[in-house]
Amino acid sequence: MRTDVCAREDVDTQAALLEALGSAGAVPDDDTAGELPFPIGLHRFTAPDGTLTVFVDAWGVDLEGPDELAQRVLAHLTAAG
């Protein structure tokens, strides 16, 4: 599953996404993935039941990963917003 999460400038949603990733047990594979706003590039988060990828470019932030895991993160993100 791949979905657009927010605009690059939307730091509040990026912070909520970090929280949602943590609620799914996903931890960043590197230190830069915890920075806000997310640095431009590809960031991997490893959870017990899969790997999620957050892709950031000049325009937006996308989330990709196994359907069930990505949907759990999105559900938490939606509940937080």
N, C-alpha and C. Protein backbone atom coordinates (compact mmCIF):
# COMPACT_ATOMS: atom_id res chain seq x y z
N MET A 1 0.85 -1.18 0.00
CA MET A 1 0.00 0.00 0.00
C MET A 1 0.89 1.23 0.00
N ARG A 2 0.52 2.21 -0.81
CA ARG A 2 1.20 3.50 -0.82
C ARG A 2 0.16 4.60 -0.77
N THR A 3 0.43 5.61 0.06
CA THR A 3 -0.52 6.70 0.19
C THR A 3 0.20 8.02 0.44
N ASP A 4 -0.38 9.10 -0.05
CA ASP A 4 0.12 10.44 0.26
C ASP A 4 -0.33 10.78 1.68
N VAL A 5 0.57 11.34 2.47
CA VAL A 5 0.23 11.67 3.85
C VAL A 5 -0.03 13.15 4.02
N CYS A 6 0.90 13.99 3.55
CA CYS A 6 0.73 15.42 3.75
C CYS A 6 1.70 16.19 2.87
N ALA A 7 1.53 17.50 2.88
CA ALA A 7 2.45 18.38 2.17
C ALA A 7 3.76 18.47 2.95
N ARG A 8 4.82 18.77 2.27
CA ARG A 8 6.15 18.86 2.88
C ARG A 8 6.19 19.88 4.02
N GLU A 9 5.40 20.95 3.91
CA GLU A 9 5.41 22.01 4.92
C GLU A 9 4.57 21.68 6.15
N ASP A 10 3.79 20.62 6.13
CA ASP A 10 2.87 20.29 7.22
C ASP A 10 3.59 19.52 8.33
N VAL A 11 4.30 20.27 9.15
CA VAL A 11 5.11 19.67 10.21
C VAL A 11 4.23 19.02 11.29
N ASP A 12 3.05 19.56 11.55
CA ASP A 12 2.16 18.98 12.56
C ASP A 12 1.75 17.56 12.16
N THR A 13 1.41 17.36 10.89
CA THR A 13 1.03 16.02 10.43
C THR A 13 2.24 15.10 10.42
N GLN A 14 3.41 15.62 10.10
CA GLN A 14 4.62 14.80 10.15
C GLN A 14 4.91 14.33 11.58
N ALA A 15 4.69 15.21 12.55
CA ALA A 15 4.87 14.83 13.96
C ALA A 15 3.87 13.75 14.35
N ALA A 16 2.62 13.90 13.89
CA ALA A 16 1.60 12.88 14.17
C ALA A 16 1.95 11.56 13.48
N LEU A 17 2.55 11.63 12.29
CA LEU A 17 2.97 10.42 11.59
C LEU A 17 4.06 9.69 12.38
N LEU A 18 5.02 10.44 12.92
CA LEU A 18 6.05 9.82 13.75
C LEU A 18 5.44 9.10 14.94
N GLU A 19 4.46 9.74 15.58
CA GLU A 19 3.77 9.13 16.71
C GLU A 19 3.01 7.87 16.27
N ALA A 20 2.35 7.95 15.12
CA ALA A 20 1.60 6.80 14.61
C ALA A 20 2.53 5.64 14.26
N LEU A 21 3.68 5.95 13.69
CA LEU A 21 4.67 4.90 13.40
C LEU A 21 5.13 4.24 14.69
N GLY A 22 5.38 5.04 15.71
CA GLY A 22 5.78 4.49 17.01
C GLY A 22 4.70 3.63 17.63
N SER A 23 3.44 4.01 17.44
CA SER A 23 2.34 3.22 18.01
C SER A 23 2.25 1.86 17.35
N ALA A 24 2.75 1.75 16.10
CA ALA A 24 2.75 0.47 15.39
C ALA A 24 4.02 -0.32 15.71
N GLY A 25 4.87 0.21 16.59
CA GLY A 25 6.10 -0.47 16.96
C GLY A 25 7.22 -0.27 15.95
N ALA A 26 7.06 0.69 15.04
CA ALA A 26 8.06 0.95 14.01
C ALA A 26 9.13 1.89 14.54
N VAL A 27 10.37 1.51 14.34
CA VAL A 27 11.50 2.35 14.74
C VAL A 27 12.31 2.71 13.50
N PRO A 28 12.86 3.93 13.48
CA PRO A 28 13.62 4.35 12.30
C PRO A 28 14.91 3.56 12.17
N ASP A 29 15.29 3.30 10.92
CA ASP A 29 16.55 2.61 10.64
C ASP A 29 17.75 3.52 10.76
N ASP A 30 17.52 4.84 10.78
CA ASP A 30 18.63 5.79 10.95
C ASP A 30 18.15 6.98 11.77
N ASP A 31 19.10 7.79 12.22
CA ASP A 31 18.77 8.92 13.11
C ASP A 31 18.03 10.05 12.42
N THR A 32 18.23 10.23 11.12
CA THR A 32 17.60 11.37 10.44
C THR A 32 16.10 11.20 10.29
N ALA A 33 15.60 9.98 10.37
CA ALA A 33 14.16 9.75 10.20
C ALA A 33 13.34 10.34 11.35
N GLY A 34 13.96 10.65 12.47
CA GLY A 34 13.25 11.23 13.59
C GLY A 34 13.25 12.74 13.60
N GLU A 35 13.89 13.36 12.60
CA GLU A 35 13.94 14.82 12.52
C GLU A 35 12.65 15.37 11.93
N LEU A 36 12.28 16.56 12.39
CA LEU A 36 11.12 17.26 11.82
C LEU A 36 11.53 18.64 11.37
N PRO A 37 11.11 19.07 10.19
CA PRO A 37 10.41 18.25 9.22
C PRO A 37 11.32 17.12 8.73
N PHE A 38 10.68 16.07 8.21
CA PHE A 38 11.46 14.97 7.66
C PHE A 38 12.43 15.50 6.60
N PRO A 39 13.68 15.06 6.64
CA PRO A 39 14.60 15.44 5.56
C PRO A 39 14.15 14.81 4.24
N ILE A 40 14.44 15.46 3.16
CA ILE A 40 14.09 14.93 1.84
C ILE A 40 14.85 13.62 1.64
N GLY A 41 14.15 12.63 1.16
CA GLY A 41 14.77 11.33 0.89
C GLY A 41 13.87 10.19 1.31
N LEU A 42 14.46 9.01 1.37
CA LEU A 42 13.76 7.78 1.71
C LEU A 42 14.13 7.37 3.12
N HIS A 43 13.13 7.13 3.97
CA HIS A 43 13.36 6.77 5.36
C HIS A 43 12.62 5.47 5.66
N ARG A 44 13.34 4.50 6.22
CA ARG A 44 12.75 3.20 6.53
C ARG A 44 12.50 3.08 8.03
N PHE A 45 11.35 2.51 8.35
CA PHE A 45 10.96 2.23 9.72
C PHE A 45 10.65 0.75 9.82
N THR A 46 11.29 0.07 10.75
CA THR A 46 11.10 -1.37 10.90
C THR A 46 10.17 -1.64 12.07
N ALA A 47 9.11 -2.39 11.80
CA ALA A 47 8.15 -2.81 12.82
C ALA A 47 8.23 -4.33 12.95
N PRO A 48 7.69 -4.89 14.02
CA PRO A 48 7.72 -6.34 14.18
C PRO A 48 7.10 -7.10 13.01
N ASP A 49 6.14 -6.50 12.33
CA ASP A 49 5.46 -7.22 11.26
C ASP A 49 5.66 -6.59 9.88
N GLY A 50 6.79 -5.89 9.69
CA GLY A 50 7.09 -5.38 8.37
C GLY A 50 7.88 -4.09 8.38
N THR A 51 8.21 -3.63 7.20
CA THR A 51 8.96 -2.39 7.03
C THR A 51 8.08 -1.36 6.34
N LEU A 52 8.11 -0.16 6.89
CA LEU A 52 7.40 0.97 6.30
C LEU A 52 8.42 1.94 5.74
N THR A 53 8.08 2.54 4.63
CA THR A 53 8.96 3.52 4.01
C THR A 53 8.24 4.86 3.96
N VAL A 54 8.92 5.90 4.41
CA VAL A 54 8.41 7.26 4.29
C VAL A 54 9.29 7.95 3.25
N PHE A 55 8.66 8.39 2.16
CA PHE A 55 9.38 9.09 1.11
C PHE A 55 9.00 10.55 1.16
N VAL A 56 10.02 11.40 1.19
CA VAL A 56 9.81 12.84 1.28
C VAL A 56 10.50 13.51 0.10
N ASP A 57 9.75 14.34 -0.63
CA ASP A 57 10.36 15.15 -1.67
C ASP A 57 10.00 16.60 -1.39
N ALA A 58 10.28 17.48 -2.32
CA ALA A 58 10.06 18.91 -2.10
C ALA A 58 8.58 19.26 -1.93
N TRP A 59 7.68 18.34 -2.33
CA TRP A 59 6.24 18.66 -2.31
C TRP A 59 5.45 17.91 -1.27
N GLY A 60 5.87 16.69 -0.91
CA GLY A 60 5.01 15.92 -0.02
C GLY A 60 5.70 14.79 0.70
N VAL A 61 4.91 14.13 1.53
CA VAL A 61 5.35 12.99 2.33
C VAL A 61 4.43 11.82 2.01
N ASP A 62 5.02 10.68 1.63
CA ASP A 62 4.27 9.47 1.29
C ASP A 62 4.65 8.35 2.25
N LEU A 63 3.72 7.43 2.44
CA LEU A 63 3.93 6.25 3.27
C LEU A 63 3.68 5.02 2.43
N GLU A 64 4.57 4.03 2.55
CA GLU A 64 4.40 2.78 1.82
C GLU A 64 4.79 1.62 2.72
N GLY A 65 4.05 0.53 2.60
CA GLY A 65 4.37 -0.67 3.36
C GLY A 65 3.28 -1.71 3.21
N PRO A 66 3.40 -2.82 3.97
CA PRO A 66 2.37 -3.86 3.92
C PRO A 66 1.00 -3.27 4.27
N ASP A 67 -0.02 -3.72 3.55
CA ASP A 67 -1.36 -3.14 3.70
C ASP A 67 -1.82 -3.01 5.14
N GLU A 68 -1.82 -4.11 5.88
CA GLU A 68 -2.35 -4.09 7.25
C GLU A 68 -1.56 -3.14 8.14
N LEU A 69 -0.25 -3.15 8.03
CA LEU A 69 0.60 -2.29 8.85
C LEU A 69 0.38 -0.82 8.48
N ALA A 70 0.37 -0.51 7.20
CA ALA A 70 0.16 0.88 6.77
C ALA A 70 -1.22 1.37 7.19
N GLN A 71 -2.22 0.51 7.11
CA GLN A 71 -3.58 0.90 7.51
C GLN A 71 -3.66 1.18 9.01
N ARG A 72 -2.92 0.40 9.81
CA ARG A 72 -2.87 0.67 11.26
C ARG A 72 -2.26 2.03 11.54
N VAL A 73 -1.17 2.35 10.85
CA VAL A 73 -0.53 3.65 11.03
C VAL A 73 -1.49 4.77 10.61
N LEU A 74 -2.13 4.60 9.48
CA LEU A 74 -3.08 5.62 9.00
C LEU A 74 -4.27 5.78 9.94
N ALA A 75 -4.76 4.68 10.50
CA ALA A 75 -5.88 4.76 11.45
C ALA A 75 -5.47 5.56 12.68
N HIS A 76 -4.26 5.33 13.19
CA HIS A 76 -3.78 6.08 14.34
C HIS A 76 -3.60 7.56 13.96
N LEU A 77 -3.07 7.79 12.77
CA LEU A 77 -2.87 9.16 12.30
C LEU A 77 -4.20 9.90 12.17
N THR A 78 -5.21 9.22 11.65
CA THR A 78 -6.54 9.82 11.49
C THR A 78 -7.17 10.10 12.85
N ALA A 79 -7.00 9.18 13.80
CA ALA A 79 -7.57 9.37 15.14
C ALA A 79 -6.91 10.55 15.86
N ALA A 80 -5.62 10.77 15.56
CA ALA A 80 -4.89 11.86 16.21
C ALA A 80 -5.28 13.22 15.63
N GLY A 81 -5.75 13.21 14.38
CA GLY A 81 -6.06 14.48 13.69
C GLY A 81 -7.46 14.82 13.86
